[in-house]
Amino acid sequence: MSHAGRGQSFVPSAIKVDSRLDLALLVVPSDVDVGSYLCWAEWAAENKPAVEKGMAIIACGVPGELKGVPDLKTRIIPRVVFFQYYTGVLDPLDQYGLIVCDIDKGAPLLPKTFRGMSGGPAFSVKRQLVGINVSERLTQSVDGRLYVLPRHRFGSLTTPFVPKAGSPSDYVMCNEGRFSMMAESMDAPGESFFVNARVEYFCSQNDPEHPMGRMGRIVCLSLSRERGDLRLPINVESVFYYDGDDEAEKIRAAREEFFFLLQDTRYRLVD
């Protein structure tokens, strides 16, 4: 991370993940200087920034061609050029719930593609965070399009879990459990982590046999390398349902849920 021209490296104190949106919220140590920040309340849907057609947007990121070739052994990219593109809104909300911005293919010095900008922020000229870049579309006949996920769409990273419609309304926490697993990389054999998970189990007081009468939440994971040089706590809040009150069934359901959490990360559980 860089701020005011100074590069900083640190291990976040926690990470909260939304696997559906492929986004993560980092919680940094209190002594890290990150400059100005967005208060929690402003992430809520009712506080979404006003976006209008023709509004100026500054999209930021690092297109792939502006990165050096990564060193596969050290996993370091030797050269990175941070790119800021001043553009305008074509559609403040398309059919997929995204903000559509223009890419002027005729503008000089533009990268050939914006691929690699995904995950970068999009700001208004008033320095408000409008959203996160998610994709682009380039064609031979028309100018390109840059798609931005509006800020209020990832408010799930800062708001508590709400049970599904039709769920019992009288959940109480039955107990709390912890379990440990080993996960390994599917791309780098031998690269593995110890995973310690904390799980909360809830059940309906009056109707535990309801299809959603027993609910579990993985609320925290702690990942550590086998050689002990990295420990990373992650706030997950991943929800699953389980059958019966047997401890083995609870652990089985929690492990299954964690399997789904890992499947898009190229890691897998080791029995």
C-alpha atoms as a PDB file:
ATOM      1  CA  MET A   1       0.000   0.000   0.000  1.00  0.00           C
ATOM      2  CA  SER A   2       1.215   3.519  -0.671  1.00  0.00           C
ATOM      3  CA  HIS A   3       0.125   6.820   0.823  1.00  0.00           C
ATOM      4  CA  ALA A   4       1.509  10.295   0.167  1.00  0.00           C
ATOM      5  CA  GLY A   5       4.309   8.822  -1.921  1.00  0.00           C
ATOM      6  CA  ARG A   6       5.428   6.396   0.790  1.00  0.00           C
ATOM      7  CA  GLY A   7       5.196   2.646   0.359  1.00  0.00           C
ATOM      8  CA  GLN A   8       4.023   0.632   3.340  1.00  0.00           C
ATOM      9  CA  SER A   9       3.778  -3.084   3.994  1.00  0.00           C
ATOM     10  CA  PHE A  10       1.767  -4.618   6.806  1.00  0.00           C
ATOM     11  CA  VAL A  11      -0.298  -7.667   7.722  1.00  0.00           C
ATOM     12  CA  PRO A  12      -3.985  -6.752   8.145  1.00  0.00           C
ATOM     13  CA  SER A  13      -5.498  -7.535  11.527  1.00  0.00           C
ATOM     14  CA  ALA A  14      -8.497  -9.181   9.833  1.00  0.00           C
ATOM     15  CA  ILE A  15     -10.076  -9.750   6.461  1.00  0.00           C
ATOM     16  CA  LYS A  16     -13.769 -10.027   5.673  1.00  0.00           C
ATOM     17  CA  VAL A  17     -14.601 -11.762   2.410  1.00  0.00           C
ATOM     18  CA  ASP A  18     -17.603 -11.655   0.076  1.00  0.00           C
ATOM     19  CA  SER A  19     -16.944 -14.601  -2.241  1.00  0.00           C
ATOM     20  CA  ARG A  20     -19.996 -13.803  -4.415  1.00  0.00           C
ATOM     21  CA  LEU A  21     -18.555 -10.409  -5.382  1.00  0.00           C
ATOM     22  CA  ASP A  22     -14.896 -11.491  -5.210  1.00  0.00           C
ATOM     23  CA  LEU A  23     -14.149  -8.647  -2.793  1.00  0.00           C
ATOM     24  CA  ALA A  24     -12.427  -8.441   0.562  1.00  0.00           C
ATOM     25  CA  LEU A  25     -12.383  -5.776   3.259  1.00  0.00           C
ATOM     26  CA  LEU A  26      -9.051  -5.364   5.070  1.00  0.00           C
ATOM     27  CA  VAL A  27      -8.905  -4.219   8.676  1.00  0.00           C
ATOM     28  CA  VAL A  28      -5.515  -2.571   9.157  1.00  0.00           C
ATOM     29  CA  PRO A  29      -3.672  -2.033  12.444  1.00  0.00           C
ATOM     30  CA  SER A  30      -4.542   1.220  14.204  1.00  0.00           C
ATOM     31  CA  ASP A  31      -0.978   2.529  13.968  1.00  0.00           C
ATOM     32  CA  VAL A  32      -0.884   2.359  10.144  1.00  0.00           C
ATOM     33  CA  ASP A  33      -1.241   5.716   8.402  1.00  0.00           C
ATOM     34  CA  VAL A  34      -3.808   5.211   5.623  1.00  0.00           C
ATOM     35  CA  GLY A  35      -4.772   8.834   5.084  1.00  0.00           C
ATOM     36  CA  SER A  36      -8.464   9.703   4.916  1.00  0.00           C
ATOM     37  CA  TYR A  37     -11.074   6.959   5.129  1.00  0.00           C
ATOM     38  CA  LEU A  38     -14.757   6.265   4.553  1.00  0.00           C
ATOM     39  CA  CYS A  39     -16.783   5.870   7.744  1.00  0.00           C
ATOM     40  CA  TRP A  40     -18.818   2.679   8.189  1.00  0.00           C
ATOM     41  CA  ALA A  41     -22.220   4.366   7.807  1.00  0.00           C
ATOM     42  CA  GLU A  42     -21.425   5.599   4.308  1.00  0.00           C
ATOM     43  CA  TRP A  43     -21.216   2.031   2.970  1.00  0.00           C
ATOM     44  CA  ALA A  44     -24.924   1.397   3.529  1.00  0.00           C
ATOM     45  CA  ALA A  45     -27.304   1.188   0.558  1.00  0.00           C
ATOM     46  CA  GLU A  46     -29.298   4.234   1.675  1.00  0.00           C
ATOM     47  CA  ASN A  47     -26.103   6.323   1.560  1.00  0.00           C
ATOM     48  CA  LYS A  48     -25.085   5.414  -1.978  1.00  0.00           C
ATOM     49  CA  PRO A  49     -23.492   8.340  -3.847  1.00  0.00           C
ATOM     50  CA  ALA A  50     -25.620  10.043  -6.470  1.00  0.00           C
ATOM     51  CA  VAL A  51     -24.453   8.958  -9.944  1.00  0.00           C
ATOM     52  CA  GLU A  52     -25.866  10.662 -13.031  1.00  0.00           C
ATOM     53  CA  LYS A  53     -25.350  10.337 -16.758  1.00  0.00           C
ATOM     54  CA  GLY A  54     -22.452  12.528 -17.861  1.00  0.00           C
ATOM     55  CA  MET A  55     -20.928  12.646 -14.386  1.00  0.00           C
ATOM     56  CA  ALA A  56     -17.120  12.607 -14.296  1.00  0.00           C
ATOM     57  CA  ILE A  57     -15.466   9.479 -12.883  1.00  0.00           C
ATOM     58  CA  ILE A  58     -11.799   8.755 -12.170  1.00  0.00           C
ATOM     59  CA  ALA A  59     -11.083   5.032 -12.541  1.00  0.00           C
ATOM     60  CA  CYS A  60      -7.863   3.823 -10.941  1.00  0.00           C
ATOM     61  CA  GLY A  61      -5.885   0.621 -11.218  1.00  0.00           C
ATOM     62  CA  VAL A  62      -2.977  -1.163 -12.830  1.00  0.00           C
ATOM     63  CA  PRO A  63      -3.652  -2.500 -16.363  1.00  0.00           C
ATOM     64  CA  GLY A  64      -1.704  -5.652 -17.104  1.00  0.00           C
ATOM     65  CA  GLU A  65       0.591  -4.118 -19.709  1.00  0.00           C
ATOM     66  CA  LEU A  66       1.784  -1.567 -17.135  1.00  0.00           C
ATOM     67  CA  LYS A  67       3.116  -4.324 -14.884  1.00  0.00           C
ATOM     68  CA  GLY A  68       6.514  -5.945 -15.138  1.00  0.00           C
ATOM     69  CA  VAL A  69       6.849  -9.703 -15.541  1.00  0.00           C
ATOM     70  CA  PRO A  70       6.378 -11.257 -12.064  1.00  0.00           C
ATOM     71  CA  ASP A  71       9.130 -13.301 -10.467  1.00  0.00           C
ATOM     72  CA  LEU A  72       7.410 -16.643  -9.857  1.00  0.00           C
ATOM     73  CA  LYS A  73       9.820 -17.646  -7.100  1.00  0.00           C
ATOM     74  CA  THR A  74       9.555 -14.515  -4.964  1.00  0.00           C
ATOM     75  CA  ARG A  75       6.030 -13.595  -6.202  1.00  0.00           C
ATOM     76  CA  ILE A  76       7.177 -10.009  -6.643  1.00  0.00           C
ATOM     77  CA  ILE A  77       6.170  -7.811  -9.585  1.00  0.00           C
ATOM     78  CA  PRO A  78       9.257  -5.632 -10.207  1.00  0.00           C
ATOM     79  CA  ARG A  79       7.480  -2.734 -11.923  1.00  0.00           C
ATOM     80  CA  VAL A  80       3.961  -1.401 -11.421  1.00  0.00           C
ATOM     81  CA  VAL A  81       2.552   1.803 -12.944  1.00  0.00           C
ATOM     82  CA  PHE A  82      -0.568   3.106 -11.230  1.00  0.00           C
ATOM     83  CA  PHE A  83      -3.047   4.356 -13.834  1.00  0.00           C
ATOM     84  CA  GLN A  84      -5.820   6.954 -13.391  1.00  0.00           C
ATOM     85  CA  TYR A  85      -8.373   7.395 -16.164  1.00  0.00           C
ATOM     86  CA  TYR A  86     -10.704  10.403 -16.271  1.00  0.00           C
ATOM     87  CA  THR A  87     -13.962   9.396 -17.938  1.00  0.00           C
ATOM     88  CA  GLY A  88     -17.711   9.928 -17.837  1.00  0.00           C
ATOM     89  CA  VAL A  89     -20.811   7.952 -16.922  1.00  0.00           C
ATOM     90  CA  LEU A  90     -22.862   6.620 -19.855  1.00  0.00           C
ATOM     91  CA  ASP A  91     -25.410   4.740 -17.772  1.00  0.00           C
ATOM     92  CA  PRO A  92     -25.714   5.234 -13.981  1.00  0.00           C
ATOM     93  CA  LEU A  93     -27.369   1.824 -13.547  1.00  0.00           C
ATOM     94  CA  ASP A  94     -27.542  -0.810 -16.279  1.00  0.00           C
ATOM     95  CA  GLN A  95     -29.656  -3.981 -16.275  1.00  0.00           C
ATOM     96  CA  TYR A  96     -27.017  -5.765 -14.195  1.00  0.00           C
ATOM     97  CA  GLY A  97     -26.866  -3.072 -11.528  1.00  0.00           C
ATOM     98  CA  LEU A  98     -23.515  -1.680 -12.729  1.00  0.00           C
ATOM     99  CA  ILE A  99     -22.330   1.830 -13.577  1.00  0.00           C
ATOM    100  CA  VAL A 100     -21.250   2.041 -17.238  1.00  0.00           C
ATOM    101  CA  CYS A 101     -18.418   4.439 -18.137  1.00  0.00           C
ATOM    102  CA  ASP A 102     -16.898   5.382 -21.484  1.00  0.00           C
ATOM    103  CA  ILE A 103     -13.459   4.347 -22.754  1.00  0.00           C
ATOM    104  CA  ASP A 104     -12.273   6.620 -25.568  1.00  0.00           C
ATOM    105  CA  LYS A 105     -10.254   4.294 -27.779  1.00  0.00           C
ATOM    106  CA  GLY A 106      -8.926   7.238 -29.761  1.00  0.00           C
ATOM    107  CA  ALA A 107      -7.266   8.923 -26.800  1.00  0.00           C
ATOM    108  CA  PRO A 108      -3.453   8.891 -26.939  1.00  0.00           C
ATOM    109  CA  LEU A 109      -1.307   6.974 -24.453  1.00  0.00           C
ATOM    110  CA  LEU A 110      -4.122   4.697 -23.332  1.00  0.00           C
ATOM    111  CA  PRO A 111      -3.204   1.069 -22.634  1.00  0.00           C
ATOM    112  CA  LYS A 112      -4.465  -1.383 -25.252  1.00  0.00           C
ATOM    113  CA  THR A 113      -6.729  -2.940 -22.669  1.00  0.00           C
ATOM    114  CA  PHE A 114      -7.933  -2.064 -19.188  1.00  0.00           C
ATOM    115  CA  ARG A 115      -7.631  -5.701 -18.151  1.00  0.00           C
ATOM    116  CA  GLY A 116      -6.060  -5.675 -14.706  1.00  0.00           C
ATOM    117  CA  MET A 117      -8.040  -2.626 -13.563  1.00  0.00           C
ATOM    118  CA  SER A 118     -10.533  -4.920 -11.840  1.00  0.00           C
ATOM    119  CA  GLY A 119     -10.615  -4.339  -8.111  1.00  0.00           C
ATOM    120  CA  GLY A 120      -9.377  -0.769  -8.449  1.00  0.00           C
ATOM    121  CA  PRO A 121     -11.425   2.136  -7.064  1.00  0.00           C
ATOM    122  CA  ALA A 122     -13.561   4.574  -9.058  1.00  0.00           C
ATOM    123  CA  PHE A 123     -13.888   8.066  -7.580  1.00  0.00           C
ATOM    124  CA  SER A 124     -15.954  11.146  -8.247  1.00  0.00           C
ATOM    125  CA  VAL A 125     -14.089  14.424  -8.770  1.00  0.00           C
ATOM    126  CA  LYS A 126     -15.137  15.263  -5.193  1.00  0.00           C
ATOM    127  CA  ARG A 127     -12.949  12.335  -4.027  1.00  0.00           C
ATOM    128  CA  GLN A 128     -15.942  10.186  -3.082  1.00  0.00           C
ATOM    129  CA  LEU A 129     -15.611   6.450  -3.586  1.00  0.00           C
ATOM    130  CA  VAL A 130     -18.234   5.602  -6.212  1.00  0.00           C
ATOM    131  CA  GLY A 131     -17.467   1.918  -6.677  1.00  0.00           C
ATOM    132  CA  ILE A 132     -15.023  -0.776  -7.762  1.00  0.00           C
ATOM    133  CA  ASN A 133     -13.965  -1.510 -11.364  1.00  0.00           C
ATOM    134  CA  VAL A 134     -15.160  -4.972 -12.360  1.00  0.00           C
ATOM    135  CA  SER A 135     -14.843  -5.418 -16.146  1.00  0.00           C
ATOM    136  CA  GLU A 136     -14.417  -3.808 -19.554  1.00  0.00           C
ATOM    137  CA  ARG A 137     -15.760  -4.327 -23.075  1.00  0.00           C
ATOM    138  CA  LEU A 138     -13.762  -3.339 -26.128  1.00  0.00           C
ATOM    139  CA  THR A 139     -14.883  -3.760 -29.737  1.00  0.00           C
ATOM    140  CA  GLN A 140     -13.483  -2.821 -33.124  1.00  0.00           C
ATOM    141  CA  SER A 141     -16.412  -0.598 -34.098  1.00  0.00           C
ATOM    142  CA  VAL A 142     -17.216   1.428 -30.963  1.00  0.00           C
ATOM    143  CA  ASP A 143     -15.450   2.911 -27.998  1.00  0.00           C
ATOM    144  CA  GLY A 144     -14.999   0.695 -24.996  1.00  0.00           C
ATOM    145  CA  ARG A 145     -17.038   0.412 -21.844  1.00  0.00           C
ATOM    146  CA  LEU A 146     -15.790   0.213 -18.262  1.00  0.00           C
ATOM    147  CA  TYR A 147     -18.154  -1.331 -15.710  1.00  0.00           C
ATOM    148  CA  VAL A 148     -18.135  -0.264 -12.069  1.00  0.00           C
ATOM    149  CA  LEU A 149     -19.793  -2.051  -9.148  1.00  0.00           C
ATOM    150  CA  PRO A 150     -21.585   0.677  -7.120  1.00  0.00           C
ATOM    151  CA  ARG A 151     -20.387   1.174  -3.573  1.00  0.00           C
ATOM    152  CA  HIS A 152     -23.666   0.210  -1.924  1.00  0.00           C
ATOM    153  CA  ARG A 153     -23.555  -3.230  -3.621  1.00  0.00           C
ATOM    154  CA  PHE A 154     -20.689  -4.355  -1.389  1.00  0.00           C
ATOM    155  CA  GLY A 155     -22.186  -3.048   1.848  1.00  0.00           C
ATOM    156  CA  SER A 156     -22.481  -6.719   2.839  1.00  0.00           C
ATOM    157  CA  LEU A 157     -18.852  -6.457   3.914  1.00  0.00           C
ATOM    158  CA  THR A 158     -19.813  -4.085   6.713  1.00  0.00           C
ATOM    159  CA  THR A 159     -23.329  -5.164   7.667  1.00  0.00           C
ATOM    160  CA  PRO A 160     -24.332  -8.094   9.880  1.00  0.00           C
ATOM    161  CA  PHE A 161     -25.848 -11.293   8.544  1.00  0.00           C
ATOM    162  CA  VAL A 162     -29.642 -11.376   8.079  1.00  0.00           C
ATOM    163  CA  PRO A 163     -31.300 -14.832   7.970  1.00  0.00           C
ATOM    164  CA  LYS A 164     -33.163 -15.839   4.807  1.00  0.00           C
ATOM    165  CA  ALA A 165     -36.825 -14.992   4.386  1.00  0.00           C
ATOM    166  CA  GLY A 166     -38.914 -17.748   5.908  1.00  0.00           C
ATOM    167  CA  SER A 167     -36.340 -18.602   8.556  1.00  0.00           C
ATOM    168  CA  PRO A 168     -37.443 -19.013  12.173  1.00  0.00           C
ATOM    169  CA  SER A 169     -37.353 -15.774  14.124  1.00  0.00           C
ATOM    170  CA  ASP A 170     -36.344 -17.321  17.448  1.00  0.00           C
ATOM    171  CA  TYR A 171     -32.745 -18.445  16.851  1.00  0.00           C
ATOM    172  CA  VAL A 172     -30.604 -18.799  19.956  1.00  0.00           C
ATOM    173  CA  MET A 173     -26.919 -19.748  20.029  1.00  0.00           C
ATOM    174  CA  CYS A 174     -26.656 -23.356  21.179  1.00  0.00           C
ATOM    175  CA  ASN A 175     -22.903 -23.569  21.458  1.00  0.00           C
ATOM    176  CA  GLU A 176     -19.603 -22.576  19.907  1.00  0.00           C
ATOM    177  CA  GLY A 177     -17.077 -24.897  18.355  1.00  0.00           C
ATOM    178  CA  ARG A 178     -13.581 -24.862  16.938  1.00  0.00           C
ATOM    179  CA  PHE A 179     -11.872 -27.214  14.553  1.00  0.00           C
ATOM    180  CA  SER A 180      -8.541 -27.413  12.754  1.00  0.00           C
ATOM    181  CA  MET A 181      -7.753 -28.445   9.197  1.00  0.00           C
ATOM    182  CA  MET A 182      -4.915 -28.405   6.715  1.00  0.00           C
ATOM    183  CA  ALA A 183      -5.365 -26.693   3.351  1.00  0.00           C
ATOM    184  CA  GLU A 184      -2.922 -26.937   0.454  1.00  0.00           C
ATOM    185  CA  SER A 185      -2.408 -24.992  -2.758  1.00  0.00           C
ATOM    186  CA  MET A 186      -3.605 -26.672  -5.966  1.00  0.00           C
ATOM    187  CA  ASP A 187      -1.052 -24.671  -7.967  1.00  0.00           C
ATOM    188  CA  ALA A 188       2.022 -25.032  -5.748  1.00  0.00           C
ATOM    189  CA  PRO A 189       2.350 -28.555  -4.337  1.00  0.00           C
ATOM    190  CA  GLY A 190       3.746 -28.476  -0.831  1.00  0.00           C
ATOM    191  CA  GLU A 191       2.414 -25.005  -0.021  1.00  0.00           C
ATOM    192  CA  SER A 192       0.004 -25.516   2.834  1.00  0.00           C
ATOM    193  CA  PHE A 193      -1.690 -23.727   5.723  1.00  0.00           C
ATOM    194  CA  PHE A 194      -3.056 -24.752   9.072  1.00  0.00           C
ATOM    195  CA  VAL A 195      -6.636 -23.512   9.359  1.00  0.00           C
ATOM    196  CA  ASN A 196      -8.277 -22.975  12.733  1.00  0.00           C
ATOM    197  CA  ALA A 197     -11.975 -22.124  12.485  1.00  0.00           C
ATOM    198  CA  ARG A 198     -14.408 -20.752  15.042  1.00  0.00           C
ATOM    199  CA  VAL A 199     -18.037 -21.681  14.449  1.00  0.00           C
ATOM    200  CA  GLU A 200     -21.231 -20.536  16.153  1.00  0.00           C
ATOM    201  CA  TYR A 201     -24.224 -22.891  16.117  1.00  0.00           C
ATOM    202  CA  PHE A 202     -27.801 -21.599  16.381  1.00  0.00           C
ATOM    203  CA  CYS A 203     -31.137 -23.371  16.593  1.00  0.00           C
ATOM    204  CA  SER A 204     -34.770 -22.368  16.702  1.00  0.00           C
ATOM    205  CA  GLN A 205     -36.231 -22.568  20.208  1.00  0.00           C
ATOM    206  CA  ASN A 206     -39.705 -23.615  19.048  1.00  0.00           C
ATOM    207  CA  ASP A 207     -39.083 -25.313  15.716  1.00  0.00           C
ATOM    208  CA  PRO A 208     -35.590 -26.821  15.457  1.00  0.00           C
ATOM    209  CA  GLU A 209     -36.862 -29.353  12.869  1.00  0.00           C
ATOM    210  CA  HIS A 210     -37.746 -26.541  10.451  1.00  0.00           C
ATOM    211  CA  PRO A 211     -35.671 -26.892   7.200  1.00  0.00           C
ATOM    212  CA  MET A 212     -33.706 -23.862   8.408  1.00  0.00           C
ATOM    213  CA  GLY A 213     -34.144 -24.593  12.096  1.00  0.00           C
ATOM    214  CA  ARG A 214     -30.428 -25.202  12.738  1.00  0.00           C
ATOM    215  CA  MET A 215     -27.916 -22.707  11.413  1.00  0.00           C
ATOM    216  CA  GLY A 216     -24.161 -22.461  11.748  1.00  0.00           C
ATOM    217  CA  ARG A 217     -21.836 -19.557  11.039  1.00  0.00           C
ATOM    218  CA  ILE A 218     -18.116 -19.718  10.429  1.00  0.00           C
ATOM    219  CA  VAL A 219     -17.225 -16.381  11.992  1.00  0.00           C
ATOM    220  CA  CYS A 220     -13.446 -16.475  12.078  1.00  0.00           C
ATOM    221  CA  LEU A 221     -10.588 -18.350  10.451  1.00  0.00           C
ATOM    222  CA  SER A 222      -6.980 -18.185  11.468  1.00  0.00           C
ATOM    223  CA  LEU A 223      -4.518 -19.240   8.771  1.00  0.00           C
ATOM    224  CA  SER A 224      -0.917 -19.993   9.612  1.00  0.00           C
ATOM    225  CA  ARG A 225       1.904 -21.431   7.556  1.00  0.00           C
ATOM    226  CA  GLU A 226       3.440 -24.676   8.642  1.00  0.00           C
ATOM    227  CA  ARG A 227       6.748 -22.982   9.338  1.00  0.00           C
ATOM    228  CA  GLY A 228       4.963 -20.438  11.532  1.00  0.00           C
ATOM    229  CA  ASP A 229       6.027 -17.203   9.799  1.00  0.00           C
ATOM    230  CA  LEU A 230       2.536 -15.972   8.974  1.00  0.00           C
ATOM    231  CA  ARG A 231      -0.699 -15.844  10.912  1.00  0.00           C
ATOM    232  CA  LEU A 232      -3.717 -14.226   9.324  1.00  0.00           C
ATOM    233  CA  PRO A 233      -7.128 -13.934  11.030  1.00  0.00           C
ATOM    234  CA  ILE A 234     -10.094 -13.676   8.668  1.00  0.00           C
ATOM    235  CA  ASN A 235     -13.625 -12.604   9.614  1.00  0.00           C
ATOM    236  CA  VAL A 236     -15.780 -14.661   7.280  1.00  0.00           C
ATOM    237  CA  GLU A 237     -19.407 -14.846   8.474  1.00  0.00           C
ATOM    238  CA  SER A 238     -20.217 -17.760   6.160  1.00  0.00           C
ATOM    239  CA  VAL A 239     -23.573 -19.388   6.901  1.00  0.00           C
ATOM    240  CA  PHE A 240     -24.685 -23.002   6.547  1.00  0.00           C
ATOM    241  CA  TYR A 241     -27.480 -25.249   7.817  1.00  0.00           C
ATOM    242  CA  TYR A 242     -27.075 -28.598   9.556  1.00  0.00           C
ATOM    243  CA  ASP A 243     -29.269 -31.538  10.623  1.00  0.00           C
ATOM    244  CA  GLY A 244     -29.454 -32.782  14.172  1.00  0.00           C
ATOM    245  CA  ASP A 245     -27.442 -31.920  17.253  1.00  0.00           C
ATOM    246  CA  ASP A 246     -24.716 -34.534  16.930  1.00  0.00           C
ATOM    247  CA  GLU A 247     -21.251 -32.951  17.171  1.00  0.00           C
ATOM    248  CA  ALA A 248     -19.966 -34.997  14.232  1.00  0.00           C
ATOM    249  CA  GLU A 249     -22.813 -33.679  12.047  1.00  0.00           C
ATOM    250  CA  LYS A 250     -22.035 -30.083  13.031  1.00  0.00           C
ATOM    251  CA  ILE A 251     -18.351 -30.483  12.140  1.00  0.00           C
ATOM    252  CA  ARG A 252     -19.227 -32.249   8.881  1.00  0.00           C
ATOM    253  CA  ALA A 253     -21.531 -29.371   7.833  1.00  0.00           C
ATOM    254  CA  ALA A 254     -18.936 -26.741   8.825  1.00  0.00           C
ATOM    255  CA  ARG A 255     -16.179 -28.525   6.868  1.00  0.00           C
ATOM    256  CA  GLU A 256     -18.458 -28.769   3.841  1.00  0.00           C
ATOM    257  CA  GLU A 257     -19.165 -25.035   4.026  1.00  0.00           C
ATOM    258  CA  PHE A 258     -15.458 -24.292   4.281  1.00  0.00           C
ATOM    259  CA  PHE A 259     -14.842 -26.486   1.232  1.00  0.00           C
ATOM    260  CA  PHE A 260     -17.154 -24.211  -0.771  1.00  0.00           C
ATOM    261  CA  LEU A 261     -15.349 -21.150   0.579  1.00  0.00           C
ATOM    262  CA  LEU A 262     -12.032 -22.507  -0.688  1.00  0.00           C
ATOM    263  CA  GLN A 263     -13.094 -23.855  -4.066  1.00  0.00           C
ATOM    264  CA  ASP A 264     -12.587 -20.544  -5.905  1.00  0.00           C
ATOM    265  CA  THR A 265      -9.244 -19.802  -4.245  1.00  0.00           C
ATOM    266  CA  ARG A 266      -7.283 -22.725  -5.734  1.00  0.00           C
ATOM    267  CA  TYR A 267      -6.824 -24.224  -2.260  1.00  0.00           C
ATOM    268  CA  ARG A 268      -8.293 -27.491  -0.997  1.00  0.00           C
ATOM    269  CA  LEU A 269      -8.684 -29.243   2.319  1.00  0.00           C
ATOM    270  CA  VAL A 270      -6.329 -32.071   3.202  1.00  0.00           C
ATOM    271  CA  ASP A 271      -7.811 -34.991   5.129  1.00  0.00           C
END
